[in-house]
Protein backbone atom coordinates (compact mmCIF):
# COMPACT_ATOMS: atom_id res chain seq x y z
CA MET A 1 9.83 -18.47 -87.50
CA GLN A 2 13.01 -17.62 -89.33
CA ASN A 3 15.08 -18.88 -86.36
CA LEU A 4 13.19 -22.19 -86.39
CA ILE A 5 13.86 -22.64 -90.13
CA GLN A 6 17.57 -21.91 -89.57
CA TRP A 7 17.70 -24.43 -86.75
CA VAL A 8 15.99 -27.13 -88.87
CA MET A 9 18.34 -26.45 -91.75
CA ALA A 10 21.38 -26.71 -89.46
CA ASP A 11 21.22 -28.66 -86.20
CA GLY A 12 17.74 -30.11 -86.71
CA GLN A 13 18.96 -32.43 -89.46
CA ILE A 14 21.70 -33.73 -87.21
CA TYR A 15 19.22 -34.49 -84.41
CA LEU A 16 16.96 -36.30 -86.88
CA ALA A 17 19.98 -38.33 -88.13
CA LEU A 18 20.86 -39.26 -84.50
CA ALA A 19 17.26 -40.32 -83.83
CA PHE A 20 17.13 -42.49 -86.98
CA LEU A 21 20.51 -44.12 -86.18
CA SER A 22 19.34 -44.87 -82.62
CA PHE A 23 16.26 -46.56 -84.02
CA LEU A 24 18.22 -48.46 -86.68
CA ASN A 25 20.81 -49.60 -84.12
CA ILE A 26 18.17 -51.65 -82.29
CA ILE A 27 17.32 -53.67 -85.43
CA VAL A 28 20.73 -53.64 -87.13
CA PRO A 29 23.29 -53.31 -84.34
CA LEU A 30 26.07 -51.04 -85.67
CA SER A 31 28.67 -49.28 -83.61
CA GLY A 32 27.33 -46.23 -81.80
CA ALA A 33 30.81 -44.71 -81.56
CA SER A 34 31.36 -44.77 -85.32
CA THR A 35 27.93 -43.36 -86.19
CA GLN A 36 27.14 -41.05 -83.31
CA THR A 37 30.48 -39.34 -82.59
CA PRO A 38 30.83 -37.62 -86.01
CA LEU A 39 27.33 -36.16 -85.63
CA ILE A 40 28.08 -34.96 -82.09
CA ALA A 41 31.30 -33.39 -83.45
CA ALA A 42 29.15 -31.52 -85.99
CA LEU A 43 27.00 -30.14 -83.15
CA THR A 44 29.88 -29.14 -80.89
CA GLY A 45 32.49 -28.23 -83.44
CA ASN A 46 35.10 -30.03 -81.31
CA SER A 47 36.11 -33.62 -82.13
CA HIS A 48 37.81 -34.25 -78.75
CA CYS A 49 34.77 -32.89 -76.87
CA ALA A 50 32.55 -34.98 -79.13
CA ILE A 51 34.24 -38.24 -78.02
CA THR A 52 33.69 -37.34 -74.37
CA ILE A 53 30.03 -36.34 -74.85
CA SER A 54 29.36 -39.29 -77.11
CA THR A 55 30.74 -41.67 -74.51
CA TRP A 56 28.35 -40.21 -71.93
CA LEU A 57 25.35 -40.38 -74.26
CA LEU A 58 26.19 -43.92 -75.34
CA MET A 59 26.24 -44.89 -71.69
CA ILE A 60 22.71 -43.55 -71.25
CA GLY A 61 21.46 -45.20 -74.46
CA CYS A 62 23.02 -48.57 -73.55
CA ALA A 63 21.44 -48.43 -70.13
CA MET A 64 18.00 -47.97 -71.77
CA ILE A 65 18.58 -50.78 -74.31
CA ALA A 66 19.80 -53.14 -71.60
CA PHE A 67 16.68 -52.36 -69.54
CA VAL A 68 14.37 -52.91 -72.53
CA PHE A 69 16.07 -56.30 -73.26
CA ARG A 70 16.75 -57.20 -69.60
CA LYS A 71 14.95 -60.55 -69.86
CA ASP A 72 17.21 -61.60 -72.74
CA ILE A 73 20.56 -60.88 -71.05
CA ARG A 74 22.83 -63.97 -71.07
CA LYS A 75 24.58 -63.83 -67.71
CA ASP A 76 27.04 -66.59 -68.65
CA TYR A 77 28.50 -64.45 -71.48
CA LEU A 78 28.23 -61.31 -69.37
CA TRP A 79 30.60 -62.78 -66.80
CA LYS A 80 32.93 -64.16 -69.46
CA LEU A 81 33.43 -60.76 -71.12
CA LEU A 82 33.02 -58.30 -68.22
CA PRO A 83 36.41 -58.55 -66.39
CA THR A 84 38.72 -57.98 -69.32
CA SER A 85 36.29 -55.49 -70.90
CA VAL A 86 36.45 -53.25 -67.81
CA VAL A 87 40.21 -53.56 -67.55
CA GLY A 88 40.59 -52.69 -71.23
CA SER A 89 38.29 -49.67 -70.96
CA ILE A 90 40.18 -48.32 -67.96
CA ILE A 91 43.48 -48.56 -69.82
CA GLY A 92 41.99 -46.93 -72.90
CA ALA A 93 40.34 -44.08 -70.98
CA LEU A 94 43.32 -43.37 -68.75
CA LEU A 95 46.11 -43.50 -71.32
CA LEU A 96 44.14 -42.18 -74.24
CA ILE A 97 46.47 -44.04 -76.56
CA GLN A 98 45.73 -46.06 -79.63
CA LEU A 99 47.35 -49.22 -80.93
CA PRO A 100 48.74 -48.97 -84.47
CA ASN A 101 45.84 -48.71 -86.90
CA TRP A 102 47.08 -51.53 -89.10
CA LEU A 103 47.41 -53.90 -86.12
CA VAL A 104 43.92 -53.13 -84.81
CA THR A 105 42.32 -53.45 -88.27
CA LEU A 106 44.14 -56.71 -88.99
CA ALA A 107 43.15 -58.23 -85.64
CA LEU A 108 39.52 -57.13 -85.94
CA PHE A 109 39.31 -58.36 -89.56
CA PHE A 110 40.53 -61.88 -88.81
CA LEU A 111 38.43 -62.19 -85.66
CA SER A 112 35.29 -60.91 -87.40
CA ALA A 113 35.86 -63.15 -90.43
CA HIS A 114 36.28 -66.15 -88.10
CA PHE A 115 33.06 -65.33 -86.26
CA LEU A 116 31.20 -64.87 -89.55
CA TYR A 117 32.41 -68.27 -90.73
CA LYS A 118 31.22 -69.91 -87.51
CA THR A 119 27.82 -68.27 -87.81
CA LEU A 120 27.35 -69.31 -91.43
CA ILE A 121 28.32 -72.92 -90.69
CA HIS A 122 25.86 -73.00 -87.80
CA LEU A 123 23.02 -71.57 -89.85
CA ILE A 124 23.69 -73.97 -92.77
CA HIS A 125 23.80 -77.07 -90.60
CA ARG A 126 21.33 -76.04 -87.95
CA ASN A 127 18.58 -78.36 -89.13
CA THR A 128 20.85 -81.40 -89.37
CA GLU A 129 23.06 -80.78 -86.30
CA LYS A 130 20.66 -79.33 -83.77
CA GLY A 131 22.41 -80.80 -80.74
CA GLU A 132 25.90 -79.72 -81.77
CA LYS A 133 27.04 -76.18 -80.93
CA LYS A 134 30.77 -75.63 -81.08
CA LYS A 135 31.89 -72.88 -78.73
CA SER A 136 34.95 -70.72 -79.06
CA HIS A 137 38.22 -71.43 -77.29
CA SER A 138 38.28 -70.30 -73.68
CA LEU A 139 40.84 -67.60 -74.49
CA VAL A 140 38.67 -65.96 -77.16
CA SER A 141 36.22 -64.41 -74.66
CA PRO A 142 38.82 -62.49 -72.61
CA LEU A 143 40.61 -61.44 -75.83
CA VAL A 144 37.43 -60.05 -77.36
CA GLY A 145 36.54 -58.39 -74.04
CA ALA A 146 39.96 -56.69 -73.64
CA LEU A 147 40.15 -55.49 -77.23
CA SER A 148 36.63 -54.17 -77.44
CA GLY A 149 36.87 -52.55 -73.99
CA PHE A 150 40.17 -50.82 -74.84
CA LEU A 151 38.82 -49.44 -78.12
CA GLN A 152 35.63 -48.19 -76.42
CA GLY A 153 37.68 -46.68 -73.59
CA THR A 154 39.54 -44.53 -76.13
CA GLY A 155 36.24 -43.48 -77.70
CA LEU A 156 36.57 -45.66 -80.80
CA SER A 157 34.40 -48.43 -82.19
CA GLY A 158 34.80 -51.62 -80.19
CA ALA A 159 31.30 -53.07 -79.87
CA ASN A 160 31.28 -54.60 -83.37
CA ILE A 161 33.81 -57.28 -82.51
CA ARG A 162 31.88 -58.20 -79.36
CA THR A 163 28.62 -58.34 -81.34
CA SER A 164 30.20 -60.61 -83.95
CA PHE A 165 31.54 -62.90 -81.19
CA LEU A 166 28.13 -63.23 -79.52
CA TYR A 167 26.43 -63.96 -82.85
CA SER A 168 29.03 -66.64 -83.55
CA GLU A 169 28.04 -68.24 -80.24
CA HIS A 170 24.53 -68.66 -81.66
CA LEU A 171 22.83 -66.00 -79.46
CA LYS A 172 19.59 -64.48 -80.71
CA ILE A 173 19.40 -60.82 -81.67
CA GLU A 174 17.48 -60.00 -78.50
CA GLU A 175 20.11 -61.81 -76.40
CA VAL A 176 22.92 -59.97 -78.14
CA ARG A 177 21.18 -56.62 -77.65
CA GLY A 178 20.68 -57.21 -73.93
CA THR A 179 24.04 -58.76 -73.16
CA SER A 180 26.16 -56.46 -75.32
CA ASN A 181 24.49 -53.28 -74.04
CA ILE A 182 24.81 -54.07 -70.35
CA LEU A 183 28.52 -54.50 -71.05
CA ASN A 184 28.55 -51.28 -73.08
CA PHE A 185 26.86 -49.45 -70.24
CA ILE A 186 29.47 -50.58 -67.69
CA ILE A 187 32.37 -49.73 -70.03
CA PHE A 188 31.06 -46.30 -70.95
CA ALA A 189 30.26 -45.59 -67.29
CA VAL A 190 33.85 -46.38 -66.32
CA ALA A 191 35.24 -44.23 -69.16
CA SER A 192 32.84 -41.32 -68.35
CA LEU A 193 33.75 -41.44 -64.65
CA ILE A 194 37.48 -41.30 -65.47
CA ARG A 195 36.96 -38.41 -67.88
CA PHE A 196 34.78 -36.54 -65.41
CA ASN A 197 37.43 -36.84 -62.73
CA ALA A 198 40.00 -35.67 -65.31
CA ASN A 199 37.83 -32.64 -66.10
CA GLN A 200 37.24 -33.80 -69.61
CA LEU A 201 33.47 -33.84 -68.96
CA SER A 202 31.72 -31.12 -66.91
CA SER A 203 28.53 -31.59 -64.94
CA ALA A 204 26.93 -28.83 -67.00
CA ASP A 205 27.65 -30.67 -70.26
CA MET A 206 26.37 -33.94 -68.75
CA PHE A 207 23.10 -32.29 -67.68
CA LYS A 208 22.61 -30.37 -70.96
CA TRP A 209 23.09 -33.29 -73.30
CA THR A 210 21.20 -35.70 -71.09
CA ILE A 211 18.14 -33.44 -71.15
CA ILE A 212 18.37 -33.04 -74.93
CA PHE A 213 18.91 -36.69 -75.91
CA THR A 214 17.06 -38.73 -73.27
CA PRO A 215 13.58 -38.25 -74.86
CA ILE A 216 15.05 -39.02 -78.33
CA LEU A 217 16.76 -42.19 -77.13
CA PHE A 218 13.74 -43.33 -75.14
CA ALA A 219 11.34 -43.02 -78.03
CA THR A 220 13.58 -44.53 -80.72
CA ILE A 221 14.71 -47.48 -78.54
CA TYR A 222 11.16 -48.54 -77.67
CA LEU A 223 10.05 -48.13 -81.26
CA GLY A 224 12.97 -50.21 -82.49
CA ARG A 225 12.26 -52.98 -80.01
CA HIS A 226 8.61 -53.08 -81.11
CA VAL A 227 9.70 -53.49 -84.74
CA LEU A 228 12.37 -56.09 -83.87
CA ILE A 229 10.03 -58.50 -82.00
CA LYS A 230 7.67 -58.52 -84.98
CA LEU A 231 10.33 -59.82 -87.37
CA SER A 232 10.40 -63.50 -88.40
CA ASP A 233 13.30 -65.80 -87.38
CA ARG A 234 14.39 -65.96 -91.03
CA MET A 235 14.53 -62.19 -91.21
CA LYS A 236 16.53 -62.05 -87.95
CA ASP A 237 19.02 -64.59 -89.30
CA SER A 238 19.43 -62.48 -92.42
CA ILE A 239 20.05 -59.36 -90.32
CA ILE A 240 22.71 -61.22 -88.29
CA VAL A 241 24.59 -62.41 -91.37
CA LEU A 242 24.32 -59.09 -93.18
CA THR A 243 25.53 -57.18 -90.10
CA MET A 244 28.53 -59.46 -89.68
CA LEU A 245 29.27 -59.32 -93.43
CA TYR A 246 29.08 -55.52 -93.32
CA ILE A 247 31.63 -55.48 -90.48
CA VAL A 248 34.04 -57.83 -92.29
CA ILE A 249 33.76 -55.96 -95.61
CA GLY A 250 34.21 -52.60 -93.85
CA LEU A 251 37.40 -53.83 -92.14
CA PHE A 252 38.71 -55.32 -95.37
CA VAL A 253 38.17 -52.06 -97.29
CA LYS A 254 39.80 -50.10 -94.45
CA GLY A 255 42.78 -52.43 -94.50
CA VAL A 256 43.20 -52.20 -98.28
CA LYS A 257 43.11 -48.38 -98.14
CA MET A 258 45.62 -48.43 -95.28
CA PHE A 259 48.18 -50.61 -97.08
CA PHE A 260 47.66 -49.39 -100.63
């Protein structure tokens, strides 16, 4: 009994936090890398190992989410983003290098702010301009794919910029969840395969963490989907705007701290 209490007071709270974040991520899509990796690091006590394990677990979670929302996957955007996303993830996983923080933050901020502006304009004028949907420039898709794939390949947060881009293209939450997560699955699978071959991820670790987290992910993902489909369109629009606003404000604050 005493051992159980000690486990709840220590690791049990971390597992509960991971379960809650997995559920919340279905409704309010935040970056798994930025929320899950620090908790994995707390469990393992090794930040480098946490990135590798988190990449593997994110791959499993994304596969489940993509399956749950498989009917909502937008294949047109999948093929637009996939090539450069995979190339970027390979470069990030192989080289394990990072672009200068200020450059990444600046690029992500301006792209996210642009996508937020497009989304707000669309929502404001949706009732009066139903037939008019302005799409992004043809170069934006490969740029977003390459940047997000590279960041995810290094184990950092890259999905937020892709999510903002898809929302700015007027996709529904369900479509964003399905499309973004099939891309995430492929990117994390490539990164995990590279790290496995480079002996950064052992088969024992893969098996251990898969057994532990698969039931948690399965339960929270299906529960999150059930809650999401019950929400009204107005509530979903609010979630989209608040999520994008959160990303832009977060990048702005990060940039201010970096320069001042």
